Amino acid sequence: MADTYKCPVCGMEVTPETAGGKSEYKGHTYYFCSKADKDTFDQNPEKYISQEQKTAG
């Protein structure tokens, strides 16, 4: 079973194989359901990172 990740913009679950894109930010990799969500995240990543992710490392 493939690892799943939550798109930080819309909350949809994606796998690295089905992701519409990915971004690196502050040492973490984020996967997105679409290129549009990736572009939205890249413009203002702090808006989409949950408090848990901000303090996780």
Protein backbone atom coordinates (compact mmCIF):
# COMPACT_ATOMS: atom_id res chain seq x y z
CA MET A 1 0.00 0.00 0.00
CA ALA A 2 1.35 3.40 -1.00
CA ASP A 3 1.86 6.18 1.52
CA THR A 4 -0.80 8.86 1.32
CA TYR A 5 -0.42 12.54 2.06
CA LYS A 6 -2.96 15.29 2.52
CA CYS A 7 -2.82 18.16 0.05
CA PRO A 8 -2.19 21.15 2.34
CA VAL A 9 -4.38 23.42 0.22
CA CYS A 10 -7.60 21.40 -0.19
CA GLY A 11 -7.14 18.40 2.12
CA MET A 12 -7.50 15.76 -0.59
CA GLU A 13 -5.45 12.61 -0.03
CA VAL A 14 -2.81 11.88 -2.67
CA THR A 15 0.10 9.52 -3.16
CA PRO A 16 3.46 10.58 -4.57
CA GLU A 17 2.58 8.62 -7.73
CA THR A 18 -0.75 10.40 -8.28
CA ALA A 19 0.23 13.86 -7.02
CA GLY A 20 -0.22 16.82 -9.32
CA GLY A 21 3.01 18.26 -7.96
CA LYS A 22 5.25 18.55 -4.94
CA SER A 23 7.13 21.31 -3.18
CA GLU A 24 9.95 21.39 -0.66
CA TYR A 25 9.54 23.89 2.16
CA LYS A 26 11.63 24.17 5.32
CA GLY A 27 12.96 20.64 4.94
CA HIS A 28 9.57 19.00 4.33
CA THR A 29 8.06 17.65 1.11
CA TYR A 30 4.42 18.52 0.42
CA TYR A 31 2.32 16.73 -2.21
CA PHE A 32 -0.61 18.29 -4.05
CA CYS A 33 -3.67 17.02 -5.87
CA SER A 34 -3.16 19.51 -8.71
CA LYS A 35 -0.66 21.95 -10.16
CA ALA A 36 -3.05 24.78 -9.26
CA ASP A 37 -2.90 23.83 -5.57
CA LYS A 38 0.89 23.55 -5.76
CA ASP A 39 1.10 27.04 -7.27
CA THR A 40 -1.24 28.41 -4.57
CA PHE A 41 0.89 26.85 -1.83
CA ASP A 42 4.14 28.14 -3.37
CA GLN A 43 2.83 31.72 -3.25
CA ASN A 44 2.22 31.61 0.53
CA PRO A 45 3.26 28.30 2.17
CA GLU A 46 2.87 29.54 5.75
CA LYS A 47 -0.86 30.00 5.16
CA TYR A 48 -1.30 26.28 4.44
CA ILE A 49 1.02 24.59 6.92
CA SER A 50 -0.85 23.30 9.93
CA GLN A 51 0.36 24.25 13.39
CA GLU A 52 1.45 20.64 13.91
CA GLN A 53 3.68 20.74 10.83
CA LYS A 54 5.15 24.11 11.86
CA THR A 55 6.31 22.71 15.21
CA ALA A 56 7.28 19.21 14.00
CA GLY A 57 10.80 20.03 13.11
